[in-house]
Structure formats: C-alpha cells, structure tokens
Protein backbone atom coordinates (compact mmCIF):
# COMPACT_ATOMS: atom_id res chain seq x y z
CA MET A 1 4.49 19.86 -2.56
CA THR A 2 6.93 17.74 -4.56
CA ALA A 3 8.62 14.86 -2.78
CA LYS A 4 12.28 15.14 -1.85
CA PRO A 5 14.70 12.41 -2.99
CA ALA A 6 15.16 9.45 -0.67
CA LYS A 7 18.36 9.45 1.37
CA LEU A 8 21.26 7.28 0.23
CA ARG A 9 21.21 5.03 3.28
CA LYS A 10 19.25 1.82 2.82
CA LEU A 11 15.67 2.20 4.04
CA LYS A 12 13.17 -0.36 5.26
CA VAL A 13 9.76 0.43 3.82
CA VAL A 14 6.46 -1.23 4.76
CA VAL A 15 3.26 -0.75 2.79
CA THR A 16 0.19 -2.00 4.66
CA GLY A 17 -3.05 -2.76 2.84
CA GLY A 18 -6.40 -4.40 3.44
CA HIS A 19 -6.12 -7.00 0.68
CA PRO A 20 -3.60 -8.39 -1.79
CA GLY A 21 -3.54 -5.81 -4.57
CA ASP A 22 -4.28 -2.69 -2.55
CA PRO A 23 -0.62 -1.69 -2.02
CA GLU A 24 0.22 -2.51 -5.64
CA TYR A 25 -2.58 -0.40 -7.12
CA ALA A 26 -1.88 2.54 -4.82
CA CYS A 27 1.90 2.47 -4.42
CA GLY A 28 3.27 0.09 -7.05
CA GLY A 29 5.20 2.78 -8.88
CA THR A 30 6.65 4.13 -5.64
CA VAL A 31 7.60 0.64 -4.45
CA ALA A 32 9.41 0.07 -7.75
CA ARG A 33 11.26 3.38 -7.30
CA TYR A 34 12.38 2.34 -3.81
CA THR A 35 13.58 -1.11 -4.85
CA GLU A 36 15.41 0.29 -7.89
CA LEU A 37 17.35 2.44 -5.41
CA GLY A 38 18.27 -0.63 -3.35
CA HIS A 39 15.80 -0.13 -0.49
CA ASP A 40 14.00 -3.04 1.20
CA VAL A 41 10.20 -3.08 0.82
CA THR A 42 7.57 -5.33 2.42
CA LEU A 43 3.92 -5.37 1.41
CA LEU A 44 1.95 -6.27 4.54
CA TYR A 45 -1.59 -7.42 3.76
CA LEU A 46 -4.27 -7.52 6.47
CA ASN A 47 -5.75 -10.71 5.00
CA LYS A 48 -5.31 -13.20 2.17
CA GLY A 49 -8.33 -12.07 0.15
CA GLU A 50 -10.45 -15.06 1.12
CA GLY A 51 -13.71 -13.43 0.11
CA GLY A 52 -12.86 -11.95 -3.26
CA CYS A 53 -12.42 -14.31 -6.22
CA GLY A 54 -15.86 -15.35 -7.44
CA PRO A 55 -17.62 -18.62 -6.62
CA ARG A 56 -14.55 -20.38 -5.20
CA THR A 57 -14.28 -21.37 -1.54
CA ALA A 58 -12.47 -19.16 0.95
CA GLN A 59 -9.56 -21.59 1.02
CA GLU A 60 -9.33 -21.67 -2.76
CA CYS A 61 -9.48 -17.89 -2.88
CA SER A 62 -6.72 -17.50 -0.31
CA ILE A 63 -4.45 -19.90 -2.22
CA THR A 64 -5.08 -18.04 -5.46
CA ARG A 65 -4.62 -14.58 -4.02
CA VAL A 66 -1.52 -15.40 -1.99
CA ALA A 67 0.07 -16.75 -5.17
CA GLU A 68 -0.92 -13.56 -7.00
CA ALA A 69 0.56 -11.43 -4.22
CA GLN A 70 3.80 -13.38 -4.34
CA LYS A 71 3.99 -12.90 -8.11
CA ALA A 72 3.27 -9.17 -7.80
CA CYS A 73 5.91 -8.74 -5.10
CA LYS A 74 8.47 -10.56 -7.24
CA ILE A 75 7.78 -8.11 -10.06
CA LEU A 76 8.25 -5.17 -7.69
CA LYS A 77 11.23 -6.81 -5.93
CA ALA A 78 9.35 -6.58 -2.62
CA HIS A 79 8.47 -9.11 0.09
CA PRO A 80 4.90 -10.25 0.89
CA ALA A 81 3.68 -10.61 4.49
CA PHE A 82 0.24 -11.29 5.96
CA ALA A 83 -1.32 -10.12 9.22
CA GLY A 84 -3.59 -13.17 9.52
CA GLN A 85 -7.04 -11.59 9.49
CA ILE A 86 -10.00 -12.71 7.36
CA ASP A 87 -11.28 -10.82 4.32
CA GLY A 88 -14.48 -8.97 5.17
CA HIS A 89 -14.22 -9.73 8.89
CA ALA A 90 -11.60 -7.26 10.08
CA VAL A 91 -11.06 -7.03 13.83
CA VAL A 92 -9.92 -3.82 15.52
CA ASP A 93 -9.77 -4.21 19.30
CA PRO A 94 -7.14 -3.80 22.06
CA ALA A 95 -5.63 -7.26 21.57
CA THR A 96 -5.41 -6.81 17.81
CA TYR A 97 -3.85 -3.37 18.20
CA ASP A 98 -1.08 -4.97 20.29
CA GLN A 99 -0.58 -7.87 17.89
CA PHE A 100 -0.34 -5.60 14.87
CA GLN A 101 2.07 -3.26 16.61
CA ASP A 102 4.35 -6.20 17.35
CA LEU A 103 4.13 -7.30 13.72
CA LEU A 104 4.94 -3.86 12.35
CA GLU A 105 7.71 -3.11 14.83
CA ALA A 106 9.38 -6.41 13.95
CA GLU A 107 9.96 -4.97 10.46
CA HIS A 108 11.92 -2.01 11.91
CA PRO A 109 10.50 0.35 9.28
CA ASP A 110 11.91 3.74 8.36
CA VAL A 111 8.85 4.50 6.22
CA VAL A 112 5.29 3.18 6.47
CA PHE A 113 2.48 3.63 3.97
CA THR A 114 -1.13 2.77 4.76
CA GLN A 115 -4.64 3.33 3.48
CA TRP A 116 -6.54 6.57 4.00
CA PRO A 117 -9.09 6.00 6.80
CA ILE A 118 -12.04 7.62 4.99
CA ASP A 119 -12.72 4.71 2.68
CA ALA A 120 -15.72 2.67 1.63
CA HIS A 121 -14.23 -0.72 2.47
CA PRO A 122 -14.13 -1.70 6.16
CA ASP A 123 -10.91 -3.69 5.70
CA HIS A 124 -9.24 -0.56 4.33
CA ARG A 125 -10.38 1.44 7.34
CA ALA A 126 -9.24 -1.33 9.69
CA ILE A 127 -5.68 -1.53 8.36
CA SER A 128 -5.45 2.26 8.51
CA MET A 129 -6.45 2.34 12.18
CA LEU A 130 -4.19 -0.58 13.10
CA THR A 131 -1.23 1.05 11.39
CA TYR A 132 -1.81 4.46 12.93
CA ASN A 133 -2.21 3.00 16.40
CA ALA A 134 1.03 1.06 15.97
CA TRP A 135 2.80 4.25 14.87
CA LEU A 136 1.53 6.10 17.96
CA HIS A 137 3.09 3.52 20.27
CA MET A 138 6.34 2.84 18.42
CA ALA A 139 9.44 4.15 20.16
CA ALA A 140 11.21 4.79 16.84
CA LYS A 141 8.73 6.77 14.77
CA PRO A 142 8.93 6.01 11.02
CA ALA A 143 7.69 8.37 8.34
CA LEU A 144 3.95 7.73 7.91
CA TYR A 145 2.15 8.29 4.62
CA TYR A 146 -1.46 7.63 3.63
CA TYR A 147 -2.36 6.50 0.12
CA GLU A 148 -5.44 6.43 -2.11
CA VAL A 149 -7.10 3.52 -3.91
CA SER A 150 -9.76 4.07 -6.58
CA ASP A 151 -10.23 7.66 -5.48
CA GLY A 152 -13.91 8.58 -5.60
CA GLU A 153 -14.94 4.93 -5.66
CA ASP A 154 -13.30 3.76 -2.42
CA THR A 155 -11.08 6.55 -1.08
CA GLN A 156 -12.87 9.81 -0.27
CA MET A 157 -11.75 13.36 0.65
CA PHE A 158 -8.08 12.77 -0.22
CA ALA A 159 -5.99 15.96 -0.46
CA PRO A 160 -2.32 15.07 -1.17
CA THR A 161 0.68 16.71 0.43
CA ASP A 162 3.39 14.77 -1.47
CA TYR A 163 3.87 13.18 -4.87
CA VAL A 164 6.21 10.56 -6.34
CA ASP A 165 7.09 10.56 -10.03
CA ILE A 166 6.29 7.09 -11.42
CA SER A 167 6.85 7.94 -15.09
CA THR A 168 9.64 5.35 -15.39
CA THR A 169 8.06 2.66 -13.18
CA GLU A 170 4.41 2.67 -14.27
CA SER A 171 4.99 -0.36 -16.51
CA ARG A 172 6.19 -2.43 -13.53
CA LYS A 173 3.25 -1.20 -11.48
CA ARG A 174 0.90 -2.27 -14.27
CA GLU A 175 2.52 -5.70 -14.46
CA ALA A 176 2.23 -6.15 -10.68
CA CYS A 177 -1.43 -5.14 -10.70
CA TYR A 178 -2.19 -7.50 -13.57
CA ALA A 179 -0.55 -10.28 -11.55
CA HIS A 180 -3.77 -10.12 -9.51
CA ALA A 181 -5.66 -11.74 -12.37
CA SER A 182 -8.60 -12.82 -10.18
CA GLN A 183 -9.34 -9.17 -9.33
CA ALA A 184 -10.55 -7.87 -12.71
CA PRO A 185 -7.51 -5.70 -13.50
CA ASP A 186 -9.06 -4.68 -16.82
CA HIS A 187 -11.70 -2.85 -14.77
CA PHE A 188 -9.63 -1.49 -11.89
CA TYR A 189 -6.33 -0.58 -13.54
CA PRO A 190 -7.79 1.94 -16.01
CA LEU A 191 -9.35 3.80 -13.07
CA GLN A 192 -6.04 3.86 -11.23
CA LEU A 193 -4.34 5.03 -14.42
CA GLN A 194 -6.70 8.01 -14.55
CA ILE A 195 -5.70 8.85 -10.99
CA THR A 196 -1.94 8.66 -11.62
CA LYS A 197 -2.27 10.83 -14.73
CA PHE A 198 -4.32 13.39 -12.80
CA ARG A 199 -1.81 13.40 -9.94
CA GLY A 200 0.89 13.85 -12.57
CA ILE A 201 -0.88 16.94 -13.88
CA GLN A 202 -0.98 18.31 -10.33
CA SER A 203 2.70 17.66 -9.66
CA GLY A 204 4.29 18.27 -13.05
CA TYR A 205 5.04 14.66 -14.02
CA SER A 206 3.52 12.48 -16.72
CA GLN A 207 2.28 10.13 -13.97
CA ALA A 208 2.51 10.30 -10.19
CA GLU A 209 1.31 8.63 -7.02
CA ALA A 210 0.04 10.93 -4.31
CA TYR A 211 0.26 10.74 -0.53
CA ILE A 212 -0.70 12.52 2.64
CA ARG A 213 2.17 12.64 5.14
CA TYR A 214 1.17 12.52 8.77
CA ILE A 215 2.48 15.87 9.90
CA LYS A 216 4.12 14.61 13.11
CA SER A 217 6.17 11.98 11.28
CA PRO A 218 9.57 12.44 9.58
CA GLY A 219 9.65 13.78 6.03
CA GLY A 220 12.09 13.66 3.14
CA LEU A 221 12.13 9.86 2.70
CA LEU A 222 10.18 9.49 -0.53
CA PRO A 223 12.08 8.38 -3.65
C-alpha cells in the first residue's frame, strides 16, 4: 500500500531508536520529507552509544556519538533527545516503562516510529517494547509505525504495509548517516541502500523506506 500525503497541519513526529544512527539509517529519508514540509521531528535515542566506537572508553564513545547524532540531526533539521540508558545494557521493567512513557508523552507526538521487535540487537528490541507500551497507555494515541534496519542482518520477518518515496531526500539521508563516522558507514550504508532500492521496486519509486503501521493506530500521516 502506498503512503498517503501528510496533512497540512504541522505534525510532531518522534522516531525512537536503540542507538545514535538507527533512526537515520532506517528513516532518514522520511525524516527529511517531514522537515521539508515544515513538520517538527525529534530523534529519541535509547542510549548514547557508549559501547560502540572501538577501543575508546565508554565516556569517550558517548561524547563522540552524541556529537555525531547532533550533526546528523542538524542535517535532517531534526532534534536529538536521549532516554538515558546504557548501550548494551537495556532495561525493560515496570519503572522504566513508566519513565519512558512520561518521556514520550512530553513530546506530544502525532506520529511515532520505532524499531521492529524481531531484531537481533537487544537494544533494538528494548526500544520497540518501551515505545509500544507507552503507546498502549497514552490517552492521545499517535500513529505508530515500525521500521527496519539492515533487513536480514538485524531486522527479521519484516513485511511492510506502507512506503515513503525518498527519491528526492536520499542524499540528505546519506549525509546524515555518514555523520556517524565512528560507525563504519562505508559498510552499513551500502546495505541500507540495497534495502531502499528494493523497497522502491516494491512501491514504484526509485528509492523508498518501508514501514509496518500498527493497525489500531491512526493512518494517513506519512509524507
């Protein structure tokens, strides 16, 4: 199914992800489409990527990766935010569910994107569960979409319901992904490029990002 155009009213969009870089690789083209239309987008990272930049200390990694996230968000005209967890040590328990719900509700989102729960990385699964639980308990239900990252390598069993044409915004997505220089973009971006080209073939665009809309959430808010 092809996505419907976003409504003219200004939307608040939140993209949650396990690590700095996850939202950019999965949704960077869509985020750029939203911000080009004047919508407000926040990328909400579960952690600061403390465990993922080579031999450096956790503190050094977090400084590096927060700076990369800020640079990527500037390219996409989005806002970075962090949920305060630690890379590789995700916590999903009653207290954390409540804390994350408060954090997400404070953004007053109209649309939320999060990671698909069947994923190889535990931090990806954690942010997915935290986001879904928050959605269940929010009084004002935003549209809820799941996204894929490195399909076949991380994300598994992903069958899209909606697509967004990123033909005109792929270059900004690429730039945002390459802002995460510590994360081997020369390895990961070509894989993501294969995915967006394949999703484009499925949907009739030169390149597309694909999503699964949670059926009980509102539709028609994709750009």
